[in-house]
N, C-alpha and C. Protein backbone atom coordinates (compact mmCIF):
# COMPACT_ATOMS: atom_id res chain seq x y z
N UNK A 1 19.61 15.80 -45.63
CA UNK A 1 18.48 14.96 -45.29
C UNK A 1 18.81 14.04 -44.11
N UNK A 2 20.01 13.49 -44.09
CA UNK A 2 20.42 12.59 -43.01
C UNK A 2 20.53 13.37 -41.71
N UNK A 3 20.99 14.61 -41.77
CA UNK A 3 21.12 15.43 -40.57
C UNK A 3 19.74 15.71 -39.96
N UNK A 4 18.75 15.97 -40.79
CA UNK A 4 17.38 16.23 -40.30
C UNK A 4 16.82 14.97 -39.65
N UNK A 5 17.03 13.81 -40.24
CA UNK A 5 16.56 12.55 -39.65
C UNK A 5 17.28 12.27 -38.32
N UNK A 6 18.57 12.56 -38.29
CA UNK A 6 19.34 12.35 -37.07
C UNK A 6 18.82 13.27 -35.95
N UNK A 7 18.56 14.55 -36.25
CA UNK A 7 18.01 15.49 -35.27
C UNK A 7 16.62 15.05 -34.79
N UNK A 8 15.81 14.57 -35.70
CA UNK A 8 14.48 14.07 -35.35
C UNK A 8 14.59 12.85 -34.43
N UNK A 9 15.52 11.98 -34.73
CA UNK A 9 15.74 10.80 -33.90
C UNK A 9 16.20 11.20 -32.50
N UNK A 10 17.09 12.18 -32.41
CA UNK A 10 17.55 12.66 -31.10
C UNK A 10 16.39 13.29 -30.33
N UNK A 11 15.56 14.05 -31.00
CA UNK A 11 14.40 14.68 -30.36
C UNK A 11 13.43 13.61 -29.83
N UNK A 12 13.16 12.59 -30.61
CA UNK A 12 12.28 11.49 -30.18
C UNK A 12 12.88 10.78 -28.98
N UNK A 13 14.19 10.55 -28.98
CA UNK A 13 14.86 9.89 -27.86
C UNK A 13 14.77 10.74 -26.59
N UNK A 14 14.92 12.04 -26.72
CA UNK A 14 14.83 12.93 -25.55
C UNK A 14 13.41 12.94 -24.98
N UNK A 15 12.41 12.99 -25.85
CA UNK A 15 11.02 12.96 -25.38
C UNK A 15 10.74 11.63 -24.67
N UNK A 16 11.22 10.53 -25.22
CA UNK A 16 11.01 9.22 -24.59
C UNK A 16 11.71 9.15 -23.24
N UNK A 17 12.89 9.72 -23.13
CA UNK A 17 13.63 9.73 -21.88
C UNK A 17 12.91 10.57 -20.82
N UNK A 18 12.43 11.72 -21.19
CA UNK A 18 11.69 12.58 -20.26
C UNK A 18 10.39 11.89 -19.82
N UNK A 19 9.67 11.27 -20.74
CA UNK A 19 8.44 10.56 -20.42
C UNK A 19 8.72 9.42 -19.43
N UNK A 20 9.77 8.65 -19.68
CA UNK A 20 10.14 7.55 -18.79
C UNK A 20 10.51 8.08 -17.41
N UNK A 21 11.20 9.20 -17.35
CA UNK A 21 11.56 9.79 -16.07
C UNK A 21 10.35 10.20 -15.26
N UNK A 22 9.38 10.84 -15.91
CA UNK A 22 8.15 11.22 -15.21
C UNK A 22 7.37 10.00 -14.74
N UNK A 23 7.28 8.98 -15.57
CA UNK A 23 6.57 7.75 -15.17
C UNK A 23 7.25 7.13 -13.94
N UNK A 24 8.57 7.16 -13.90
CA UNK A 24 9.30 6.60 -12.76
C UNK A 24 9.04 7.42 -11.51
N UNK A 25 9.09 8.74 -11.62
CA UNK A 25 8.89 9.59 -10.45
C UNK A 25 7.48 9.52 -9.89
N UNK A 26 6.50 9.29 -10.74
CA UNK A 26 5.10 9.26 -10.31
C UNK A 26 4.59 7.86 -9.99
N UNK A 27 5.45 6.86 -10.08
CA UNK A 27 5.06 5.47 -9.83
C UNK A 27 4.71 5.26 -8.35
N UNK A 28 3.49 4.82 -8.04
CA UNK A 28 3.10 4.63 -6.63
C UNK A 28 3.94 3.58 -5.90
N UNK A 29 4.39 2.55 -6.60
CA UNK A 29 5.22 1.54 -5.93
C UNK A 29 6.56 2.12 -5.51
N UNK A 30 7.09 3.03 -6.31
CA UNK A 30 8.34 3.69 -5.94
C UNK A 30 8.12 4.55 -4.70
N UNK A 31 6.97 5.22 -4.64
CA UNK A 31 6.66 6.04 -3.46
C UNK A 31 6.53 5.16 -2.21
N UNK A 32 5.95 3.98 -2.38
CA UNK A 32 5.81 3.05 -1.26
C UNK A 32 7.19 2.61 -0.77
N UNK A 33 8.07 2.24 -1.69
CA UNK A 33 9.41 1.81 -1.30
C UNK A 33 10.20 2.94 -0.65
N UNK A 34 10.05 4.14 -1.16
CA UNK A 34 10.73 5.30 -0.58
C UNK A 34 10.23 5.56 0.84
N UNK A 35 8.93 5.51 1.04
CA UNK A 35 8.37 5.70 2.38
C UNK A 35 8.82 4.58 3.32
N UNK A 36 8.93 3.36 2.80
CA UNK A 36 9.38 2.23 3.61
C UNK A 36 10.82 2.44 4.07
N UNK A 37 11.67 2.90 3.16
CA UNK A 37 13.07 3.16 3.50
C UNK A 37 13.19 4.29 4.52
N UNK A 38 12.33 5.30 4.39
CA UNK A 38 12.37 6.44 5.30
C UNK A 38 11.56 6.22 6.57
N UNK A 39 10.96 5.05 6.71
CA UNK A 39 10.16 4.66 7.87
C UNK A 39 9.00 5.64 8.10
N UNK A 40 8.32 5.98 7.00
CA UNK A 40 7.16 6.85 7.05
C UNK A 40 5.90 6.05 6.75
N UNK A 41 4.75 6.69 6.94
CA UNK A 41 3.47 6.07 6.65
C UNK A 41 3.12 6.30 5.18
N UNK A 42 2.67 5.23 4.51
CA UNK A 42 2.17 5.35 3.13
C UNK A 42 1.18 4.21 2.89
N UNK A 43 0.06 4.54 2.25
CA UNK A 43 -1.00 3.58 1.97
C UNK A 43 -1.12 3.47 0.45
N UNK A 44 -0.84 2.29 -0.10
CA UNK A 44 -0.92 2.05 -1.54
C UNK A 44 -2.08 1.09 -1.80
N UNK A 45 -3.06 1.56 -2.57
CA UNK A 45 -4.24 0.74 -2.82
C UNK A 45 -4.88 1.14 -4.14
N UNK A 46 -5.45 0.14 -4.81
CA UNK A 46 -6.26 0.38 -6.00
C UNK A 46 -7.69 0.05 -5.58
N UNK A 47 -8.43 1.07 -5.16
CA UNK A 47 -9.78 0.84 -4.63
C UNK A 47 -10.74 0.28 -5.67
N UNK A 48 -10.44 0.50 -6.95
CA UNK A 48 -11.33 0.00 -8.00
C UNK A 48 -11.17 -1.50 -8.23
N UNK A 49 -10.07 -2.07 -7.78
CA UNK A 49 -9.81 -3.49 -7.99
C UNK A 49 -9.82 -4.21 -6.64
N UNK A 50 -10.92 -4.91 -6.36
CA UNK A 50 -11.07 -5.61 -5.08
C UNK A 50 -10.10 -6.79 -4.97
N UNK A 51 -9.70 -7.34 -6.09
CA UNK A 51 -8.84 -8.52 -6.08
C UNK A 51 -7.37 -8.17 -5.83
N UNK A 52 -7.04 -6.90 -5.87
CA UNK A 52 -5.67 -6.46 -5.67
C UNK A 52 -5.46 -6.09 -4.21
N UNK A 53 -4.47 -6.67 -3.57
CA UNK A 53 -4.17 -6.38 -2.17
C UNK A 53 -3.64 -4.95 -2.04
N UNK A 54 -3.79 -4.39 -0.83
CA UNK A 54 -3.20 -3.08 -0.58
C UNK A 54 -1.98 -3.25 0.30
N UNK A 55 -1.13 -2.23 0.29
CA UNK A 55 0.10 -2.25 1.07
C UNK A 55 0.18 -0.98 1.90
N UNK A 56 0.65 -1.16 3.14
CA UNK A 56 0.86 -0.04 4.04
C UNK A 56 2.28 -0.17 4.58
N UNK A 57 2.99 0.93 4.57
CA UNK A 57 4.27 0.95 5.27
C UNK A 57 4.14 1.96 6.41
N UNK A 58 4.66 1.56 7.55
CA UNK A 58 4.56 2.39 8.75
C UNK A 58 5.71 2.05 9.67
N UNK A 59 6.48 3.04 10.05
CA UNK A 59 7.61 2.89 10.96
C UNK A 59 8.56 1.77 10.53
N UNK A 60 8.78 1.61 9.24
CA UNK A 60 9.73 0.63 8.73
C UNK A 60 9.18 -0.77 8.54
N UNK A 61 7.92 -0.97 8.83
CA UNK A 61 7.30 -2.29 8.63
C UNK A 61 6.37 -2.22 7.42
N UNK A 62 6.32 -3.31 6.67
CA UNK A 62 5.46 -3.38 5.48
C UNK A 62 4.32 -4.35 5.77
N UNK A 63 3.10 -3.86 5.60
CA UNK A 63 1.91 -4.65 5.83
C UNK A 63 1.18 -4.87 4.51
N UNK A 64 0.53 -6.04 4.40
CA UNK A 64 -0.27 -6.35 3.22
C UNK A 64 -1.68 -6.69 3.67
N UNK A 65 -2.66 -6.10 3.00
CA UNK A 65 -4.05 -6.34 3.34
C UNK A 65 -4.79 -7.03 2.21
N UNK A 66 -5.42 -8.15 2.53
CA UNK A 66 -6.22 -8.90 1.55
C UNK A 66 -7.68 -8.49 1.72
N UNK A 67 -8.29 -8.05 0.64
CA UNK A 67 -9.67 -7.56 0.69
C UNK A 67 -10.62 -8.66 0.23
N UNK A 68 -11.76 -8.77 0.92
CA UNK A 68 -12.78 -9.74 0.56
C UNK A 68 -14.12 -9.03 0.40
N UNK A 69 -14.74 -9.26 -0.74
CA UNK A 69 -16.01 -8.63 -1.06
C UNK A 69 -17.16 -9.38 -0.40
N UNK A 70 -18.15 -8.62 0.05
CA UNK A 70 -19.34 -9.20 0.65
C UNK A 70 -20.50 -8.24 0.48
N UNK A 71 -21.61 -8.58 1.11
CA UNK A 71 -22.79 -7.74 0.97
C UNK A 71 -23.03 -6.92 2.23
N UNK A 72 -23.49 -5.70 2.01
CA UNK A 72 -23.98 -4.86 3.09
C UNK A 72 -25.48 -4.72 2.87
N UNK A 73 -26.13 -3.82 3.57
CA UNK A 73 -27.57 -3.65 3.40
C UNK A 73 -27.97 -3.31 1.98
N UNK A 74 -27.19 -2.43 1.35
CA UNK A 74 -27.60 -1.90 0.05
C UNK A 74 -26.68 -2.25 -1.12
N UNK A 75 -25.49 -2.77 -0.85
CA UNK A 75 -24.56 -2.96 -1.96
C UNK A 75 -23.50 -3.99 -1.62
N UNK A 76 -22.67 -4.28 -2.61
CA UNK A 76 -21.51 -5.13 -2.41
C UNK A 76 -20.34 -4.22 -2.04
N UNK A 77 -19.68 -4.54 -0.97
CA UNK A 77 -18.56 -3.74 -0.46
C UNK A 77 -17.49 -4.69 0.05
N UNK A 78 -16.31 -4.15 0.32
CA UNK A 78 -15.27 -4.90 1.00
C UNK A 78 -15.71 -5.01 2.46
N UNK A 79 -15.91 -6.25 2.93
CA UNK A 79 -16.44 -6.43 4.29
C UNK A 79 -15.41 -7.05 5.24
N UNK A 80 -14.40 -7.70 4.70
CA UNK A 80 -13.37 -8.32 5.52
C UNK A 80 -12.00 -7.99 4.95
N UNK A 81 -11.09 -7.65 5.84
CA UNK A 81 -9.71 -7.38 5.44
C UNK A 81 -8.79 -8.13 6.38
N UNK A 82 -7.94 -8.99 5.82
CA UNK A 82 -6.92 -9.70 6.58
C UNK A 82 -5.59 -8.99 6.38
N UNK A 83 -4.99 -8.56 7.47
CA UNK A 83 -3.74 -7.81 7.39
C UNK A 83 -2.62 -8.64 7.97
N UNK A 84 -1.53 -8.75 7.21
CA UNK A 84 -0.35 -9.47 7.67
C UNK A 84 0.86 -8.57 7.49
N UNK A 85 1.92 -8.90 8.19
CA UNK A 85 3.17 -8.16 8.09
C UNK A 85 4.14 -8.97 7.25
N UNK A 86 4.93 -8.29 6.42
CA UNK A 86 5.88 -8.98 5.55
C UNK A 86 7.00 -9.63 6.36
N UNK A 87 7.52 -8.92 7.36
CA UNK A 87 8.62 -9.43 8.17
C UNK A 87 8.30 -9.17 9.64
N UNK A 88 8.12 -10.22 10.40
CA UNK A 88 7.75 -10.06 11.81
C UNK A 88 8.84 -9.36 12.60
N UNK A 89 10.09 -9.48 12.18
CA UNK A 89 11.18 -8.82 12.91
C UNK A 89 11.11 -7.30 12.80
N UNK A 90 10.42 -6.79 11.79
CA UNK A 90 10.29 -5.33 11.64
C UNK A 90 9.30 -4.74 12.63
N UNK A 91 8.61 -5.58 13.40
CA UNK A 91 7.62 -5.10 14.36
C UNK A 91 8.23 -4.70 15.70
N UNK A 92 9.52 -4.83 15.82
CA UNK A 92 10.17 -4.49 17.09
C UNK A 92 9.89 -3.04 17.45
N UNK A 93 9.39 -2.81 18.65
CA UNK A 93 9.08 -1.47 19.12
C UNK A 93 7.65 -1.04 18.86
N UNK A 94 6.87 -1.83 18.13
CA UNK A 94 5.47 -1.49 17.87
C UNK A 94 4.64 -1.72 19.13
N UNK A 95 3.63 -0.89 19.31
CA UNK A 95 2.70 -1.05 20.43
C UNK A 95 1.30 -1.28 19.88
N UNK A 96 0.39 -1.61 20.76
CA UNK A 96 -0.98 -1.83 20.30
C UNK A 96 -1.58 -0.55 19.73
N UNK A 97 -1.14 0.63 20.21
CA UNK A 97 -1.63 1.89 19.66
C UNK A 97 -1.25 2.05 18.20
N UNK A 98 -0.08 1.54 17.82
CA UNK A 98 0.33 1.59 16.41
C UNK A 98 -0.63 0.78 15.54
N UNK A 99 -1.03 -0.37 16.03
CA UNK A 99 -1.95 -1.21 15.26
C UNK A 99 -3.36 -0.62 15.24
N UNK A 100 -3.75 0.04 16.32
CA UNK A 100 -5.05 0.72 16.32
C UNK A 100 -5.04 1.87 15.32
N UNK A 101 -3.91 2.58 15.21
CA UNK A 101 -3.78 3.65 14.22
C UNK A 101 -3.95 3.08 12.81
N UNK A 102 -3.26 1.99 12.52
CA UNK A 102 -3.35 1.36 11.20
C UNK A 102 -4.78 0.89 10.92
N UNK A 103 -5.41 0.33 11.93
CA UNK A 103 -6.79 -0.13 11.76
C UNK A 103 -7.73 1.03 11.45
N UNK A 104 -7.56 2.15 12.13
CA UNK A 104 -8.38 3.33 11.85
C UNK A 104 -8.16 3.82 10.42
N UNK A 105 -6.92 3.82 9.96
CA UNK A 105 -6.62 4.26 8.60
C UNK A 105 -7.26 3.33 7.56
N UNK A 106 -7.27 2.04 7.84
CA UNK A 106 -7.90 1.07 6.93
C UNK A 106 -9.41 1.29 6.92
N UNK A 107 -9.98 1.52 8.10
CA UNK A 107 -11.43 1.71 8.18
C UNK A 107 -11.89 3.02 7.54
N UNK A 108 -11.00 3.99 7.44
CA UNK A 108 -11.33 5.21 6.71
C UNK A 108 -11.53 4.88 5.24
N UNK A 109 -10.68 4.01 4.70
CA UNK A 109 -10.77 3.62 3.29
C UNK A 109 -11.93 2.64 3.05
N UNK A 110 -12.17 1.75 4.00
CA UNK A 110 -13.19 0.71 3.85
C UNK A 110 -14.08 0.69 5.10
N UNK A 111 -15.03 1.63 5.20
CA UNK A 111 -15.82 1.77 6.43
C UNK A 111 -16.75 0.60 6.74
N UNK A 112 -17.09 -0.22 5.75
CA UNK A 112 -18.01 -1.34 5.99
C UNK A 112 -17.28 -2.63 6.35
N UNK A 113 -15.98 -2.55 6.56
CA UNK A 113 -15.20 -3.77 6.74
C UNK A 113 -14.81 -3.99 8.20
N UNK A 114 -14.41 -5.20 8.47
CA UNK A 114 -13.78 -5.54 9.74
C UNK A 114 -12.35 -5.96 9.44
N UNK A 115 -11.44 -5.53 10.29
CA UNK A 115 -10.03 -5.81 10.09
C UNK A 115 -9.65 -6.98 10.97
N UNK A 116 -9.03 -7.98 10.36
CA UNK A 116 -8.56 -9.15 11.09
C UNK A 116 -7.05 -9.22 10.92
N UNK A 117 -6.34 -9.19 12.03
CA UNK A 117 -4.89 -9.24 12.00
C UNK A 117 -4.42 -10.68 12.01
N UNK A 118 -3.37 -10.95 11.28
CA UNK A 118 -2.78 -12.29 11.28
C UNK A 118 -1.68 -12.34 12.32
N UNK A 119 -1.24 -13.54 12.62
CA UNK A 119 -0.19 -13.78 13.60
C UNK A 119 1.09 -13.09 13.16
N UNK A 120 1.87 -12.54 14.02
CA UNK A 120 1.86 -12.47 15.49
C UNK A 120 1.11 -11.26 16.05
N UNK A 121 0.61 -10.40 15.18
CA UNK A 121 -0.09 -9.19 15.64
C UNK A 121 -1.36 -9.55 16.38
N UNK A 122 -2.05 -10.58 15.89
CA UNK A 122 -3.32 -11.01 16.50
C UNK A 122 -3.10 -11.35 17.98
N UNK A 123 -2.00 -12.02 18.29
CA UNK A 123 -1.73 -12.41 19.67
C UNK A 123 -1.45 -11.19 20.55
N UNK A 124 -0.72 -10.21 20.02
CA UNK A 124 -0.43 -9.00 20.80
C UNK A 124 -1.72 -8.26 21.14
N UNK A 125 -2.58 -8.08 20.16
CA UNK A 125 -3.82 -7.36 20.41
C UNK A 125 -4.73 -8.14 21.34
N UNK A 126 -4.80 -9.47 21.17
CA UNK A 126 -5.65 -10.30 22.04
C UNK A 126 -5.14 -10.26 23.48
N UNK A 127 -3.82 -10.29 23.68
CA UNK A 127 -3.26 -10.25 25.04
C UNK A 127 -3.53 -8.93 25.73
N UNK A 128 -3.58 -7.85 24.99
CA UNK A 128 -3.82 -6.55 25.60
C UNK A 128 -5.30 -6.27 25.82
N UNK A 129 -6.17 -6.95 25.07
CA UNK A 129 -7.61 -6.73 25.25
C UNK A 129 -8.17 -7.56 26.40
N UNK A 130 -7.62 -8.75 26.57
CA UNK A 130 -8.18 -9.69 27.53
C UNK A 130 -7.67 -9.57 28.90
């Protein structure tokens, strides 16, 4: 009887270990961190939760976007997005085309919104437009 309980306990432990492993591998935050380390593009967002910020990693820089709900002609939508960078030193080598790419990617997700960049990105874009 003890051997059967011990085998059952081992089986339950193995199932729990496999479940935990799959949850870890499929975790979106882990994918974001991996893309950040590999200096790739990744967009992490919970579109159903307007109060939750989204994160973008691109070329080794981590960006955070704050979403603000507003009204459009027919519905409530995200109408304003403020984007900031986590570390300004990670922007070395970025060009205005990189920021235009990021802005296009954000507007694909939130077509009714306007993107507002925070400092120091705002100054770079303003200097190149004017």
